[in-house]
């Protein structure tokens, strides 16, 4: 099981999602077999694209639901 606790503080656009969340998510995509559910309330498109590409490279299914812009 993976239960990290993090508290990341920073101004807008300083890379909090990339440095704090994306690295952990990519590690889990490549190193675990369990399903992942990622809730991104901010709607960071770059983060979503990175996770989608990693899932595709690792042969894992990727499904996205958004109330905003569509993503393919």
C-alpha atoms as a PDB file:
ATOM      1  CA  UNK A   1       0.000   0.000   0.000  1.00  0.00           C
ATOM      2  CA  UNK A   2       1.123   3.517  -0.677  1.00  0.00           C
ATOM      3  CA  UNK A   3      -0.004   6.238   1.715  1.00  0.00           C
ATOM      4  CA  UNK A   4       2.155   9.331   1.354  1.00  0.00           C
ATOM      5  CA  UNK A   5       1.354  12.503   3.206  1.00  0.00           C
ATOM      6  CA  UNK A   6       2.442  15.777   1.694  1.00  0.00           C
ATOM      7  CA  UNK A   7       1.790  19.429   2.270  1.00  0.00           C
ATOM      8  CA  UNK A   8       3.032  21.575  -0.594  1.00  0.00           C
ATOM      9  CA  UNK A   9       2.754  25.338  -0.470  1.00  0.00           C
ATOM     10  CA  UNK A  10       3.681  27.698  -3.275  1.00  0.00           C
ATOM     11  CA  UNK A  11       2.477  30.435  -5.547  1.00  0.00           C
ATOM     12  CA  UNK A  12       0.559  29.797  -8.745  1.00  0.00           C
ATOM     13  CA  UNK A  13       2.688  28.367 -11.520  1.00  0.00           C
ATOM     14  CA  UNK A  14       5.624  27.255  -9.369  1.00  0.00           C
ATOM     15  CA  UNK A  15       5.376  23.551 -10.280  1.00  0.00           C
ATOM     16  CA  UNK A  16       3.587  22.134  -7.249  1.00  0.00           C
ATOM     17  CA  UNK A  17       1.616  19.608  -9.306  1.00  0.00           C
ATOM     18  CA  UNK A  18       4.583  18.566 -11.424  1.00  0.00           C
ATOM     19  CA  UNK A  19       7.077  18.211  -8.591  1.00  0.00           C
ATOM     20  CA  UNK A  20       4.749  17.030  -5.858  1.00  0.00           C
ATOM     21  CA  UNK A  21       2.097  14.891  -7.497  1.00  0.00           C
ATOM     22  CA  UNK A  22       3.107  13.934 -11.012  1.00  0.00           C
ATOM     23  CA  UNK A  23       6.306  12.153  -9.976  1.00  0.00           C
ATOM     24  CA  UNK A  24       4.413   9.958  -7.493  1.00  0.00           C
ATOM     25  CA  UNK A  25       1.629   9.171  -9.967  1.00  0.00           C
ATOM     26  CA  UNK A  26       4.071   8.220 -12.727  1.00  0.00           C
ATOM     27  CA  UNK A  27       5.957   5.982 -10.293  1.00  0.00           C
ATOM     28  CA  UNK A  28       2.718   4.214  -9.370  1.00  0.00           C
ATOM     29  CA  UNK A  29       1.731   3.770 -13.019  1.00  0.00           C
ATOM     30  CA  UNK A  30       5.012   2.056 -13.854  1.00  0.00           C
ATOM     31  CA  UNK A  31       5.598   0.128 -10.608  1.00  0.00           C
ATOM     32  CA  UNK A  32       2.200  -1.062  -9.398  1.00  0.00           C
ATOM     33  CA  UNK A  33      -0.527  -3.319 -10.688  1.00  0.00           C
ATOM     34  CA  UNK A  34      -3.426  -1.805  -8.769  1.00  0.00           C
ATOM     35  CA  UNK A  35      -5.901   0.549 -10.442  1.00  0.00           C
ATOM     36  CA  UNK A  36      -5.369   4.256  -9.860  1.00  0.00           C
ATOM     37  CA  UNK A  37      -8.002   6.920  -9.434  1.00  0.00           C
ATOM     38  CA  UNK A  38      -6.729  10.456  -9.817  1.00  0.00           C
ATOM     39  CA  UNK A  39      -8.942  13.397  -8.950  1.00  0.00           C
ATOM     40  CA  UNK A  40      -7.544  16.652 -10.291  1.00  0.00           C
ATOM     41  CA  UNK A  41      -9.936  19.409  -9.303  1.00  0.00           C
ATOM     42  CA  UNK A  42      -7.694  22.050 -10.832  1.00  0.00           C
ATOM     43  CA  UNK A  43      -7.878  20.533 -14.320  1.00  0.00           C
ATOM     44  CA  UNK A  44      -4.160  20.713 -15.129  1.00  0.00           C
ATOM     45  CA  UNK A  45      -4.064  19.652 -18.806  1.00  0.00           C
ATOM     46  CA  UNK A  46      -0.279  19.111 -18.853  1.00  0.00           C
ATOM     47  CA  UNK A  47      -0.567  16.766 -15.858  1.00  0.00           C
ATOM     48  CA  UNK A  48      -3.406  14.879 -17.530  1.00  0.00           C
ATOM     49  CA  UNK A  49      -1.457  14.490 -20.772  1.00  0.00           C
ATOM     50  CA  UNK A  50       1.595  13.218 -18.912  1.00  0.00           C
ATOM     51  CA  UNK A  51      -0.437  10.631 -16.998  1.00  0.00           C
ATOM     52  CA  UNK A  52      -2.231   9.562 -20.190  1.00  0.00           C
ATOM     53  CA  UNK A  53       1.078   9.078 -22.043  1.00  0.00           C
ATOM     54  CA  UNK A  54       2.565   7.090 -19.146  1.00  0.00           C
ATOM     55  CA  UNK A  55      -0.495   4.834 -18.960  1.00  0.00           C
ATOM     56  CA  UNK A  56      -0.305   4.190 -22.702  1.00  0.00           C
ATOM     57  CA  UNK A  57       3.440   3.388 -22.568  1.00  0.00           C
ATOM     58  CA  UNK A  58       2.927   0.960 -19.690  1.00  0.00           C
ATOM     59  CA  UNK A  59      -0.028  -0.744 -21.369  1.00  0.00           C
ATOM     60  CA  UNK A  60      -2.525   0.348 -18.724  1.00  0.00           C
ATOM     61  CA  UNK A  61      -6.061   1.474 -19.409  1.00  0.00           C
ATOM     62  CA  UNK A  62      -6.750   5.192 -19.122  1.00  0.00           C
ATOM     63  CA  UNK A  63     -10.167   6.738 -18.715  1.00  0.00           C
ATOM     64  CA  UNK A  64     -10.877  10.392 -18.241  1.00  0.00           C
ATOM     65  CA  UNK A  65     -13.987  12.202 -17.117  1.00  0.00           C
ATOM     66  CA  UNK A  66     -14.179  15.958 -17.239  1.00  0.00           C
ATOM     67  CA  UNK A  67     -16.913  18.491 -16.750  1.00  0.00           C
ATOM     68  CA  UNK A  68     -14.772  20.982 -18.646  1.00  0.00           C
ATOM     69  CA  UNK A  69     -12.791  20.583 -21.840  1.00  0.00           C
ATOM     70  CA  UNK A  70     -12.611  17.178 -23.494  1.00  0.00           C
ATOM     71  CA  UNK A  71      -9.370  15.251 -23.672  1.00  0.00           C
ATOM     72  CA  UNK A  72      -8.389  12.590 -26.204  1.00  0.00           C
END
